[in-house]
All heavy atoms as atom14 arrays in JSON, in Angstrom:
{
  "sequence": "SEHSKLPMQKLRQHLFILLHEDAVMHLMRVAAGLDSLVLGEGQILAQV",
  "atom14_mask": [
    [1, 1, 1, 1, 1, 1, 0, 0, 0, 0, 0, 0, 0, 0],
    [1, 1, 1, 1, 1, 1, 1, 1, 1, 0, 0, 0, 0, 0],
    [1, 1, 1, 1, 1, 1, 1, 1, 1, 1, 0, 0, 0, 0],
    [1, 1, 1, 1, 1, 1, 0, 0, 0, 0, 0, 0, 0, 0],
    [1, 1, 1, 1, 1, 1, 1, 1, 1, 0, 0, 0, 0, 0],
    [1, 1, 1, 1, 1, 1, 1, 1, 0, 0, 0, 0, 0, 0],
    [1, 1, 1, 1, 1, 1, 1, 0, 0, 0, 0, 0, 0, 0],
    [1, 1, 1, 1, 1, 1, 1, 1, 0, 0, 0, 0, 0, 0],
    [1, 1, 1, 1, 1, 1, 1, 1, 1, 0, 0, 0, 0, 0],
    [1, 1, 1, 1, 1, 1, 1, 1, 1, 0, 0, 0, 0, 0],
    [1, 1, 1, 1, 1, 1, 1, 1, 0, 0, 0, 0, 0, 0],
    [1, 1, 1, 1, 1, 1, 1, 1, 1, 1, 1, 0, 0, 0],
    [1, 1, 1, 1, 1, 1, 1, 1, 1, 0, 0, 0, 0, 0],
    [1, 1, 1, 1, 1, 1, 1, 1, 1, 1, 0, 0, 0, 0],
    [1, 1, 1, 1, 1, 1, 1, 1, 0, 0, 0, 0, 0, 0],
    [1, 1, 1, 1, 1, 1, 1, 1, 1, 1, 1, 0, 0, 0],
    [1, 1, 1, 1, 1, 1, 1, 1, 0, 0, 0, 0, 0, 0],
    [1, 1, 1, 1, 1, 1, 1, 1, 0, 0, 0, 0, 0, 0],
    [1, 1, 1, 1, 1, 1, 1, 1, 0, 0, 0, 0, 0, 0],
    [1, 1, 1, 1, 1, 1, 1, 1, 1, 1, 0, 0, 0, 0],
    [1, 1, 1, 1, 1, 1, 1, 1, 1, 0, 0, 0, 0, 0],
    [1, 1, 1, 1, 1, 1, 1, 1, 0, 0, 0, 0, 0, 0],
    [1, 1, 1, 1, 1, 0, 0, 0, 0, 0, 0, 0, 0, 0],
    [1, 1, 1, 1, 1, 1, 1, 0, 0, 0, 0, 0, 0, 0],
    [1, 1, 1, 1, 1, 1, 1, 1, 0, 0, 0, 0, 0, 0],
    [1, 1, 1, 1, 1, 1, 1, 1, 1, 1, 0, 0, 0, 0],
    [1, 1, 1, 1, 1, 1, 1, 1, 0, 0, 0, 0, 0, 0],
    [1, 1, 1, 1, 1, 1, 1, 1, 0, 0, 0, 0, 0, 0],
    [1, 1, 1, 1, 1, 1, 1, 1, 1, 1, 1, 0, 0, 0],
    [1, 1, 1, 1, 1, 1, 1, 0, 0, 0, 0, 0, 0, 0],
    [1, 1, 1, 1, 1, 0, 0, 0, 0, 0, 0, 0, 0, 0],
    [1, 1, 1, 1, 1, 0, 0, 0, 0, 0, 0, 0, 0, 0],
    [1, 1, 1, 1, 0, 0, 0, 0, 0, 0, 0, 0, 0, 0],
    [1, 1, 1, 1, 1, 1, 1, 1, 0, 0, 0, 0, 0, 0],
    [1, 1, 1, 1, 1, 1, 1, 1, 0, 0, 0, 0, 0, 0],
    [1, 1, 1, 1, 1, 1, 0, 0, 0, 0, 0, 0, 0, 0],
    [1, 1, 1, 1, 1, 1, 1, 1, 0, 0, 0, 0, 0, 0],
    [1, 1, 1, 1, 1, 1, 1, 0, 0, 0, 0, 0, 0, 0],
    [1, 1, 1, 1, 1, 1, 1, 1, 0, 0, 0, 0, 0, 0],
    [1, 1, 1, 1, 0, 0, 0, 0, 0, 0, 0, 0, 0, 0],
    [1, 1, 1, 1, 1, 1, 1, 1, 1, 0, 0, 0, 0, 0],
    [1, 1, 1, 1, 0, 0, 0, 0, 0, 0, 0, 0, 0, 0],
    [1, 1, 1, 1, 1, 1, 1, 1, 1, 0, 0, 0, 0, 0],
    [1, 1, 1, 1, 1, 1, 1, 1, 0, 0, 0, 0, 0, 0],
    [1, 1, 1, 1, 1, 1, 1, 1, 0, 0, 0, 0, 0, 0],
    [1, 1, 1, 1, 1, 0, 0, 0, 0, 0, 0, 0, 0, 0],
    [1, 1, 1, 1, 1, 1, 1, 1, 1, 0, 0, 0, 0, 0],
    [1, 1, 1, 1, 1, 1, 1, 0, 0, 0, 0, 0, 0, 0]
  ],
  "atom14_positions": [
    [[6.65, -65.74, -32.38], [6.9, -67.15, -32.81], [7.42, -67.91, -31.61], [6.94, -69.03, -31.31], [7.89, -67.09, -33.96], [8.17, -68.46, -34.27], [0.0, 0.0, 0.0], [0.0, 0.0, 0.0], [0.0, 0.0, 0.0], [0.0, 0.0, 0.0], [0.0, 0.0, 0.0], [0.0, 0.0, 0.0], [0.0, 0.0, 0.0], [0.0, 0.0, 0.0]],
    [[8.32, -67.39, -30.81], [8.88, -68.23, -29.75], [7.89, -68.28, -28.64], [7.72, -69.4, -27.96], [10.11, -67.45, -29.14], [11.31, -67.47, -30.15], [12.41, -66.62, -29.64], [12.27, -65.82, -28.51], [13.51, -66.51, -30.32], [0.0, 0.0, 0.0], [0.0, 0.0, 0.0], [0.0, 0.0, 0.0], [0.0, 0.0, 0.0], [0.0, 0.0, 0.0]],
    [[7.01, -67.29, -28.34], [6.01, -67.37, -27.38], [4.94, -68.35, -27.63], [4.47, -69.11, -26.76], [5.32, -65.93, -27.18], [4.18, -65.97, -26.27], [4.18, -66.15, -24.92], [2.76, -65.8, -26.58], [2.93, -66.1, -24.46], [2.12, -65.89, -25.47], [0.0, 0.0, 0.0], [0.0, 0.0, 0.0], [0.0, 0.0, 0.0], [0.0, 0.0, 0.0]],
    [[4.49, -68.38, -28.97], [3.32, -69.26, -29.31], [3.85, -70.66, -29.74], [2.99, -71.56, -29.87], [2.72, -68.58, -30.56], [3.55, -68.57, -31.66], [0.0, 0.0, 0.0], [0.0, 0.0, 0.0], [0.0, 0.0, 0.0], [0.0, 0.0, 0.0], [0.0, 0.0, 0.0], [0.0, 0.0, 0.0], [0.0, 0.0, 0.0], [0.0, 0.0, 0.0]],
    [[5.24, -70.78, -29.93], [5.74, -72.06, -30.36], [5.14, -72.38, -31.81], [5.26, -73.53, -32.12], [5.57, -73.21, -29.37], [6.23, -72.96, -28.05], [6.0, -74.17, -27.14], [6.8, -73.95, -25.89], [6.52, -72.66, -25.12], [0.0, 0.0, 0.0], [0.0, 0.0, 0.0], [0.0, 0.0, 0.0], [0.0, 0.0, 0.0], [0.0, 0.0, 0.0]],
    [[4.84, -71.24, -32.48], [4.39, -71.57, -33.85], [5.61, -71.22, -34.8], [6.18, -70.18, -34.63], [3.21, -70.65, -34.26], [1.89, -71.04, -33.74], [0.87, -69.95, -33.97], [1.37, -72.37, -34.18], [0.0, 0.0, 0.0], [0.0, 0.0, 0.0], [0.0, 0.0, 0.0], [0.0, 0.0, 0.0], [0.0, 0.0, 0.0], [0.0, 0.0, 0.0]],
    [[5.98, -71.97, -35.82], [7.06, -71.64, -36.72], [6.64, -70.42, -37.4], [5.5, -70.09, -37.81], [7.14, -72.85, -37.68], [5.77, -73.6, -37.52], [5.29, -73.37, -36.15], [0.0, 0.0, 0.0], [0.0, 0.0, 0.0], [0.0, 0.0, 0.0], [0.0, 0.0, 0.0], [0.0, 0.0, 0.0], [0.0, 0.0, 0.0], [0.0, 0.0, 0.0]],
    [[7.56, -69.62, -37.8], [7.43, -68.21, -38.5], [6.67, -68.46, -39.61], [5.74, -67.46, -39.91], [8.83, -67.66, -38.8], [8.69, -66.19, -39.05], [8.5, -65.2, -37.54], [10.13, -65.36, -36.8], [0.0, 0.0, 0.0], [0.0, 0.0, 0.0], [0.0, 0.0, 0.0], [0.0, 0.0, 0.0], [0.0, 0.0, 0.0], [0.0, 0.0, 0.0]],
    [[6.84, -69.48, -40.43], [6.11, -69.51, -41.74], [4.62, -69.65, -41.49], [3.82, -69.13, -42.26], [6.64, -70.77, -42.52], [6.08, -70.98, -43.88], [6.75, -72.09, -44.65], [7.48, -72.88, -44.08], [6.24, -72.34, -45.89], [0.0, 0.0, 0.0], [0.0, 0.0, 0.0], [0.0, 0.0, 0.0], [0.0, 0.0, 0.0], [0.0, 0.0, 0.0]],
    [[4.2, -70.36, -40.4], [2.79, -70.58, -40.12], [2.19, -69.28, -39.51], [1.04, -69.02, -39.76], [2.54, -71.84, -39.14], [1.17, -72.16, -38.93], [1.0, -73.44, -38.26], [-0.52, -73.69, -38.1], [-0.74, -75.0, -37.25], [0.0, 0.0, 0.0], [0.0, 0.0, 0.0], [0.0, 0.0, 0.0], [0.0, 0.0, 0.0], [0.0, 0.0, 0.0]],
    [[3.04, -68.69, -38.68], [2.54, -67.49, -37.86], [2.28, -66.31, -38.88], [1.33, -65.62, -38.73], [3.62, -67.25, -36.81], [3.24, -65.86, -36.04], [2.04, -66.05, -35.23], [4.52, -65.61, -35.07], [0.0, 0.0, 0.0], [0.0, 0.0, 0.0], [0.0, 0.0, 0.0], [0.0, 0.0, 0.0], [0.0, 0.0, 0.0], [0.0, 0.0, 0.0]],
    [[3.18, -66.1, -39.77], [3.13, -64.93, -40.62], [1.66, -64.8, -41.37], [1.22, -63.66, -41.59], [4.29, -64.95, -41.76], [5.49, -64.48, -41.14], [6.45, -64.08, -42.24], [7.75, -63.75, -41.81], [8.87, -64.62, -41.99], [8.64, -65.9, -42.5], [10.09, -64.27, -41.42], [0.0, 0.0, 0.0], [0.0, 0.0, 0.0], [0.0, 0.0, 0.0]],
    [[1.11, -65.83, -41.76], [-0.07, -65.74, -42.53], [-1.25, -65.22, -41.76], [-2.23, -64.78, -42.28], [-0.44, -67.16, -43.09], [-0.78, -68.22, -41.98], [-1.04, -69.52, -42.61], [-1.8, -69.78, -43.29], [-0.16, -70.51, -42.17], [0.0, 0.0, 0.0], [0.0, 0.0, 0.0], [0.0, 0.0, 0.0], [0.0, 0.0, 0.0], [0.0, 0.0, 0.0]],
    [[-1.06, -65.29, -40.34], [-2.2, -64.71, -39.53], [-1.91, -63.21, -39.01], [-2.79, -62.58, -38.43], [-2.35, -65.66, -38.23], [-2.6, -67.02, -38.69], [-3.9, -67.33, -39.2], [-2.01, -68.14, -38.56], [-3.95, -68.62, -39.45], [-2.8, -69.19, -38.98], [0.0, 0.0, 0.0], [0.0, 0.0, 0.0], [0.0, 0.0, 0.0], [0.0, 0.0, 0.0]],
    [[-0.67, -62.81, -39.24], [-0.29, -61.51, -38.66], [-0.61, -60.36, -39.59], [-0.62, -60.49, -40.74], [1.18, -61.44, -38.38], [1.8, -62.31, -37.24], [3.31, -62.11, -37.22], [1.18, -62.07, -35.94], [0.0, 0.0, 0.0], [0.0, 0.0, 0.0], [0.0, 0.0, 0.0], [0.0, 0.0, 0.0], [0.0, 0.0, 0.0], [0.0, 0.0, 0.0]],
    [[-0.89, -59.18, -38.82], [-1.04, -57.93, -39.66], [0.06, -56.98, -39.09], [0.24, -57.04, -37.98], [-2.44, -57.27, -39.69], [-2.86, -56.84, -38.25], [-2.53, -55.68, -37.7], [-3.72, -57.72, -37.5], [-2.99, -55.3, -36.46], [-4.18, -57.35, -36.37], [-3.83, -56.21, -35.79], [0.0, 0.0, 0.0], [0.0, 0.0, 0.0], [0.0, 0.0, 0.0]],
    [[0.62, -56.12, -39.85], [1.62, -55.19, -39.5], [1.14, -53.72, -40.04], [0.93, -53.62, -41.29], [3.01, -55.61, -40.06], [3.43, -56.84, -39.5], [4.02, -54.39, -39.75], [4.56, -57.5, -40.25], [0.0, 0.0, 0.0], [0.0, 0.0, 0.0], [0.0, 0.0, 0.0], [0.0, 0.0, 0.0], [0.0, 0.0, 0.0], [0.0, 0.0, 0.0]],
    [[1.01, -52.83, -39.21], [0.63, -51.54, -39.54], [1.71, -50.51, -39.01], [2.19, -50.77, -37.9], [-0.68, -51.18, -39.01], [-1.87, -52.03, -39.36], [-3.15, -51.64, -38.57], [-2.19, -51.89, -40.87], [0.0, 0.0, 0.0], [0.0, 0.0, 0.0], [0.0, 0.0, 0.0], [0.0, 0.0, 0.0], [0.0, 0.0, 0.0], [0.0, 0.0, 0.0]],
    [[1.95, -49.54, -39.95], [3.09, -48.57, -39.51], [2.39, -47.28, -39.39], [1.56, -46.69, -40.0], [4.16, -48.57, -40.64], [4.75, -49.97, -41.02], [5.77, -49.75, -42.1], [5.24, -50.61, -39.7], [0.0, 0.0, 0.0], [0.0, 0.0, 0.0], [0.0, 0.0, 0.0], [0.0, 0.0, 0.0], [0.0, 0.0, 0.0], [0.0, 0.0, 0.0]],
    [[3.08, -46.44, -38.44], [2.74, -45.06, -38.07], [1.31, -44.63, -38.2], [0.53, -45.07, -37.37], [3.78, -44.09, -38.8], [3.64, -42.72, -38.07], [3.93, -42.66, -36.61], [3.24, -41.52, -38.4], [3.66, -41.36, -36.34], [3.22, -40.75, -37.32], [0.0, 0.0, 0.0], [0.0, 0.0, 0.0], [0.0, 0.0, 0.0], [0.0, 0.0, 0.0]],
    [[0.99, -43.87, -39.13], [-0.4, -43.35, -39.29], [-1.49, -44.51, -39.25], [-2.45, -44.26, -38.56], [-0.65, -42.4, -40.59], [0.1, -41.17, -40.54], [1.48, -41.2, -41.07], [2.06, -42.34, -41.3], [2.14, -40.24, -41.26], [0.0, 0.0, 0.0], [0.0, 0.0, 0.0], [0.0, 0.0, 0.0], [0.0, 0.0, 0.0], [0.0, 0.0, 0.0]],
    [[-1.14, -45.55, -39.9], [-2.06, -46.66, -39.9], [-2.18, -47.36, -38.53], [-3.18, -47.72, -38.14], [-1.73, -47.72, -41.04], [-1.85, -47.2, -42.33], [-2.63, -46.36, -42.6], [-1.07, -47.65, -43.23], [0.0, 0.0, 0.0], [0.0, 0.0, 0.0], [0.0, 0.0, 0.0], [0.0, 0.0, 0.0], [0.0, 0.0, 0.0], [0.0, 0.0, 0.0]],
    [[-0.98, -47.39, -37.89], [-0.98, -48.01, -36.5], [-1.73, -47.04, -35.48], [-2.51, -47.5, -34.72], [0.43, -48.2, -36.11], [0.0, 0.0, 0.0], [0.0, 0.0, 0.0], [0.0, 0.0, 0.0], [0.0, 0.0, 0.0], [0.0, 0.0, 0.0], [0.0, 0.0, 0.0], [0.0, 0.0, 0.0], [0.0, 0.0, 0.0], [0.0, 0.0, 0.0]],
    [[-1.56, -45.74, -35.58], [-2.24, -44.75, -34.82], [-3.67, -44.89, -34.93], [-4.46, -45.01, -34.0], [-1.76, -43.29, -35.03], [-2.58, -42.29, -34.37], [-0.29, -43.15, -34.73], [0.0, 0.0, 0.0], [0.0, 0.0, 0.0], [0.0, 0.0, 0.0], [0.0, 0.0, 0.0], [0.0, 0.0, 0.0], [0.0, 0.0, 0.0], [0.0, 0.0, 0.0]],
    [[-4.12, -44.9, -36.17], [-5.55, -45.03, -36.54], [-6.23, -46.34, -35.98], [-7.35, -46.42, -35.42], [-5.89, -44.83, -38.07], [-7.27, -45.07, -38.31], [-8.57, -43.99, -37.42], [-8.72, -42.57, -38.41], [0.0, 0.0, 0.0], [0.0, 0.0, 0.0], [0.0, 0.0, 0.0], [0.0, 0.0, 0.0], [0.0, 0.0, 0.0], [0.0, 0.0, 0.0]],
    [[-5.38, -47.39, -36.18], [-5.89, -48.69, -35.74], [-6.14, -48.72, -34.26], [-7.26, -49.25, -33.84], [-4.78, -49.89, -36.1], [-5.22, -51.2, -35.75], [-6.19, -51.84, -36.27], [-4.82, -51.96, -34.64], [-6.42, -53.06, -35.73], [-5.61, -53.15, -34.64], [0.0, 0.0, 0.0], [0.0, 0.0, 0.0], [0.0, 0.0, 0.0], [0.0, 0.0, 0.0]],
    [[-5.35, -48.18, -33.41], [-5.58, -48.15, -31.91], [-6.73, -47.36, -31.66], [-7.54, -47.64, -30.75], [-4.36, -47.65, -31.24], [-4.45, -47.68, -29.73], [-4.81, -49.01, -29.19], [-3.2, -47.17, -28.98], [0.0, 0.0, 0.0], [0.0, 0.0, 0.0], [0.0, 0.0, 0.0], [0.0, 0.0, 0.0], [0.0, 0.0, 0.0], [0.0, 0.0, 0.0]],
    [[-6.98, -46.2, -32.34], [-8.1, -45.4, -32.17], [-9.41, -46.17, -32.48], [-10.35, -46.18, -31.74], [-8.09, -44.25, -33.09], [-6.8, -43.29, -32.93], [-6.91, -42.23, -31.51], [-5.27, -41.39, -31.73], [0.0, 0.0, 0.0], [0.0, 0.0, 0.0], [0.0, 0.0, 0.0], [0.0, 0.0, 0.0], [0.0, 0.0, 0.0], [0.0, 0.0, 0.0]],
    [[-9.36, -46.89, -33.53], [-10.63, -47.68, -33.89], [-10.81, -48.82, -32.96], [-11.94, -49.12, -32.61], [-10.34, -48.3, -35.35], [-10.29, -47.22, -36.35], [-10.31, -47.85, -37.9], [-11.71, -48.09, -38.31], [-12.23, -49.41, -38.26], [-11.34, -50.42, -38.01], [-13.44, -49.59, -38.69], [0.0, 0.0, 0.0], [0.0, 0.0, 0.0], [0.0, 0.0, 0.0]],
    [[-9.71, -49.54, -32.43], [-9.86, -50.59, -31.47], [-10.51, -49.97, -30.22], [-11.4, -50.49, -29.63], [-8.48, -51.17, -31.19], [-8.63, -52.06, -29.9], [-7.93, -51.98, -32.32], [0.0, 0.0, 0.0], [0.0, 0.0, 0.0], [0.0, 0.0, 0.0], [0.0, 0.0, 0.0], [0.0, 0.0, 0.0], [0.0, 0.0, 0.0], [0.0, 0.0, 0.0]],
    [[-9.94, -48.88, -29.71], [-10.52, -48.3, -28.48], [-11.98, -47.79, -28.57], [-12.67, -47.89, -27.59], [-9.61, -47.05, -28.01], [0.0, 0.0, 0.0], [0.0, 0.0, 0.0], [0.0, 0.0, 0.0], [0.0, 0.0, 0.0], [0.0, 0.0, 0.0], [0.0, 0.0, 0.0], [0.0, 0.0, 0.0], [0.0, 0.0, 0.0], [0.0, 0.0, 0.0]],
    [[-12.39, -47.52, -29.76], [-13.74, -46.96, -30.04], [-14.72, -48.19, -30.27], [-15.86, -47.96, -30.42], [-13.8, -46.1, -31.21], [0.0, 0.0, 0.0], [0.0, 0.0, 0.0], [0.0, 0.0, 0.0], [0.0, 0.0, 0.0], [0.0, 0.0, 0.0], [0.0, 0.0, 0.0], [0.0, 0.0, 0.0], [0.0, 0.0, 0.0], [0.0, 0.0, 0.0]],
    [[-14.17, -49.43, -30.32], [-14.9, -50.54, -30.61], [-15.32, -50.82, -31.99], [-16.19, -51.6, -32.38], [0.0, 0.0, 0.0], [0.0, 0.0, 0.0], [0.0, 0.0, 0.0], [0.0, 0.0, 0.0], [0.0, 0.0, 0.0], [0.0, 0.0, 0.0], [0.0, 0.0, 0.0], [0.0, 0.0, 0.0], [0.0, 0.0, 0.0], [0.0, 0.0, 0.0]],
    [[-14.65, -50.05, -32.94], [-15.0, -50.12, -34.37], [-14.25, -51.38, -35.09], [-14.56, -51.7, -36.14], [-14.67, -48.87, -35.09], [-15.35, -47.6, -34.74], [-15.02, -46.47, -35.54], [-16.77, -47.91, -34.47], [0.0, 0.0, 0.0], [0.0, 0.0, 0.0], [0.0, 0.0, 0.0], [0.0, 0.0, 0.0], [0.0, 0.0, 0.0], [0.0, 0.0, 0.0]],
    [[-13.37, -51.95, -34.28], [-12.54, -53.16, -34.89], [-13.0, -54.41, -34.18], [-12.47, -55.42, -34.38], [-11.09, -52.9, -34.77], [-10.27, -53.83, -35.66], [-10.4, -53.74, -37.0], [-9.59, -54.72, -35.12], [0.0, 0.0, 0.0], [0.0, 0.0, 0.0], [0.0, 0.0, 0.0], [0.0, 0.0, 0.0], [0.0, 0.0, 0.0], [0.0, 0.0, 0.0]],
    [[-13.94, -54.3, -33.32], [-14.35, -55.48, -32.54], [-15.31, -56.41, -33.31], [-15.93, -56.02, -34.3], [-15.15, -54.99, -31.26], [-14.36, -54.15, -30.39], [0.0, 0.0, 0.0], [0.0, 0.0, 0.0], [0.0, 0.0, 0.0], [0.0, 0.0, 0.0], [0.0, 0.0, 0.0], [0.0, 0.0, 0.0], [0.0, 0.0, 0.0], [0.0, 0.0, 0.0]],
    [[-15.38, -57.65, -32.85], [-16.25, -58.66, -33.36], [-17.67, -58.07, -33.37], [-18.36, -58.21, -34.2], [-16.0, -59.92, -32.69], [-17.06, -61.08, -33.01], [-16.96, -61.53, -34.48], [-16.89, -62.25, -32.08], [0.0, 0.0, 0.0], [0.0, 0.0, 0.0], [0.0, 0.0, 0.0], [0.0, 0.0, 0.0], [0.0, 0.0, 0.0], [0.0, 0.0, 0.0]],
    [[-17.97, -57.54, -32.15], [-19.21, -56.9, -31.91], [-19.04, -55.46, -31.99], [-18.44, -54.77, -31.18], [-19.76, -57.31, -30.45], [-21.09, -56.55, -30.28], [-19.79, -58.74, -30.31], [0.0, 0.0, 0.0], [0.0, 0.0, 0.0], [0.0, 0.0, 0.0], [0.0, 0.0, 0.0], [0.0, 0.0, 0.0], [0.0, 0.0, 0.0], [0.0, 0.0, 0.0]],
    [[-19.52, -54.89, -33.1], [-19.3, -53.39, -33.45], [-19.83, -52.53, -32.33], [-20.98, -52.59, -31.97], [-19.97, -53.05, -34.74], [-19.64, -51.66, -35.33], [-18.09, -51.57, -35.6], [-20.46, -51.47, -36.59], [0.0, 0.0, 0.0], [0.0, 0.0, 0.0], [0.0, 0.0, 0.0], [0.0, 0.0, 0.0], [0.0, 0.0, 0.0], [0.0, 0.0, 0.0]],
    [[-19.03, -51.73, -31.72], [-19.36, -50.81, -30.63], [-19.37, -51.34, -29.22], [-19.71, -50.73, -28.27], [0.0, 0.0, 0.0], [0.0, 0.0, 0.0], [0.0, 0.0, 0.0], [0.0, 0.0, 0.0], [0.0, 0.0, 0.0], [0.0, 0.0, 0.0], [0.0, 0.0, 0.0], [0.0, 0.0, 0.0], [0.0, 0.0, 0.0], [0.0, 0.0, 0.0]],
    [[-18.84, -52.55, -29.12], [-18.85, -53.18, -27.74], [-18.0, -52.36, -26.81], [-17.01, -51.82, -27.2], [-18.34, -54.66, -27.75], [-16.97, -54.87, -28.25], [-16.07, -55.24, -27.18], [-16.38, -55.19, -26.0], [-14.85, -55.6, -27.58], [0.0, 0.0, 0.0], [0.0, 0.0, 0.0], [0.0, 0.0, 0.0], [0.0, 0.0, 0.0], [0.0, 0.0, 0.0]],
    [[-18.35, -52.29, -25.46], [-17.77, -51.35, -24.57], [-16.56, -51.9, -23.81], [-15.77, -51.11, -23.36], [0.0, 0.0, 0.0], [0.0, 0.0, 0.0], [0.0, 0.0, 0.0], [0.0, 0.0, 0.0], [0.0, 0.0, 0.0], [0.0, 0.0, 0.0], [0.0, 0.0, 0.0], [0.0, 0.0, 0.0], [0.0, 0.0, 0.0], [0.0, 0.0, 0.0]],
    [[-16.37, -53.18, -23.71], [-15.43, -53.75, -22.92], [-14.02, -53.45, -23.35], [-13.06, -53.38, -22.55], [-15.71, -55.3, -22.83], [-14.83, -55.84, -21.69], [-15.19, -57.36, -21.35], [-16.0, -57.96, -22.12], [-14.6, -57.93, -20.38], [0.0, 0.0, 0.0], [0.0, 0.0, 0.0], [0.0, 0.0, 0.0], [0.0, 0.0, 0.0], [0.0, 0.0, 0.0]],
    [[-13.88, -53.35, -24.71], [-12.5, -53.12, -25.23], [-11.87, -51.72, -24.66], [-10.62, -51.75, -24.56], [-12.65, -53.09, -26.76], [-11.08, -53.06, -27.39], [-13.41, -51.89, -27.26], [-10.25, -54.28, -27.06], [0.0, 0.0, 0.0], [0.0, 0.0, 0.0], [0.0, 0.0, 0.0], [0.0, 0.0, 0.0], [0.0, 0.0, 0.0], [0.0, 0.0, 0.0]],
    [[-12.71, -50.81, -24.46], [-12.06, -49.54, -23.92], [-11.34, -49.73, -22.61], [-10.28, -49.3, -22.41], [-13.08, -48.45, -23.88], [-12.54, -47.12, -23.48], [-11.43, -46.58, -24.34], [-13.81, -46.07, -23.31], [0.0, 0.0, 0.0], [0.0, 0.0, 0.0], [0.0, 0.0, 0.0], [0.0, 0.0, 0.0], [0.0, 0.0, 0.0], [0.0, 0.0, 0.0]],
    [[-12.03, -50.57, -21.76], [-11.48, -50.8, -20.41], [-10.1, -51.69, -20.62], [-9.23, -51.58, -19.87], [-12.47, -51.62, -19.57], [0.0, 0.0, 0.0], [0.0, 0.0, 0.0], [0.0, 0.0, 0.0], [0.0, 0.0, 0.0], [0.0, 0.0, 0.0], [0.0, 0.0, 0.0], [0.0, 0.0, 0.0], [0.0, 0.0, 0.0], [0.0, 0.0, 0.0]],
    [[-10.12, -52.5, -21.6], [-8.87, -53.28, -21.95], [-7.84, -52.48, -22.42], [-6.65, -52.83, -22.11], [-9.36, -54.4, -22.93], [-10.23, -55.51, -22.25], [-10.9, -56.34, -23.31], [-11.2, -56.02, -24.43], [-11.31, -57.61, -22.88], [0.0, 0.0, 0.0], [0.0, 0.0, 0.0], [0.0, 0.0, 0.0], [0.0, 0.0, 0.0], [0.0, 0.0, 0.0]],
    [[-8.1, -51.51, -23.32], [-7.03, -50.67, -23.73], [-6.48, -49.75, -22.54], [-5.33, -49.61, -22.42], [-7.6, -49.62, -24.87], [-6.61, -48.49, -25.14], [-7.95, -50.43, -26.04], [0.0, 0.0, 0.0], [0.0, 0.0, 0.0], [0.0, 0.0, 0.0], [0.0, 0.0, 0.0], [0.0, 0.0, 0.0], [0.0, 0.0, 0.0], [0.0, 0.0, 0.0]]
  ]
}
């Protein structure tokens, strides 16, 4: 909120929060390109 200068109320509607097993699987999916706008895109692995 402080970094973006967006009030918490406005910011919260855009955020997702994942805990432990869900957070672990999410990073795996991101690295594999399964959560990308372009399914399977390769650049995200380099970004991870």
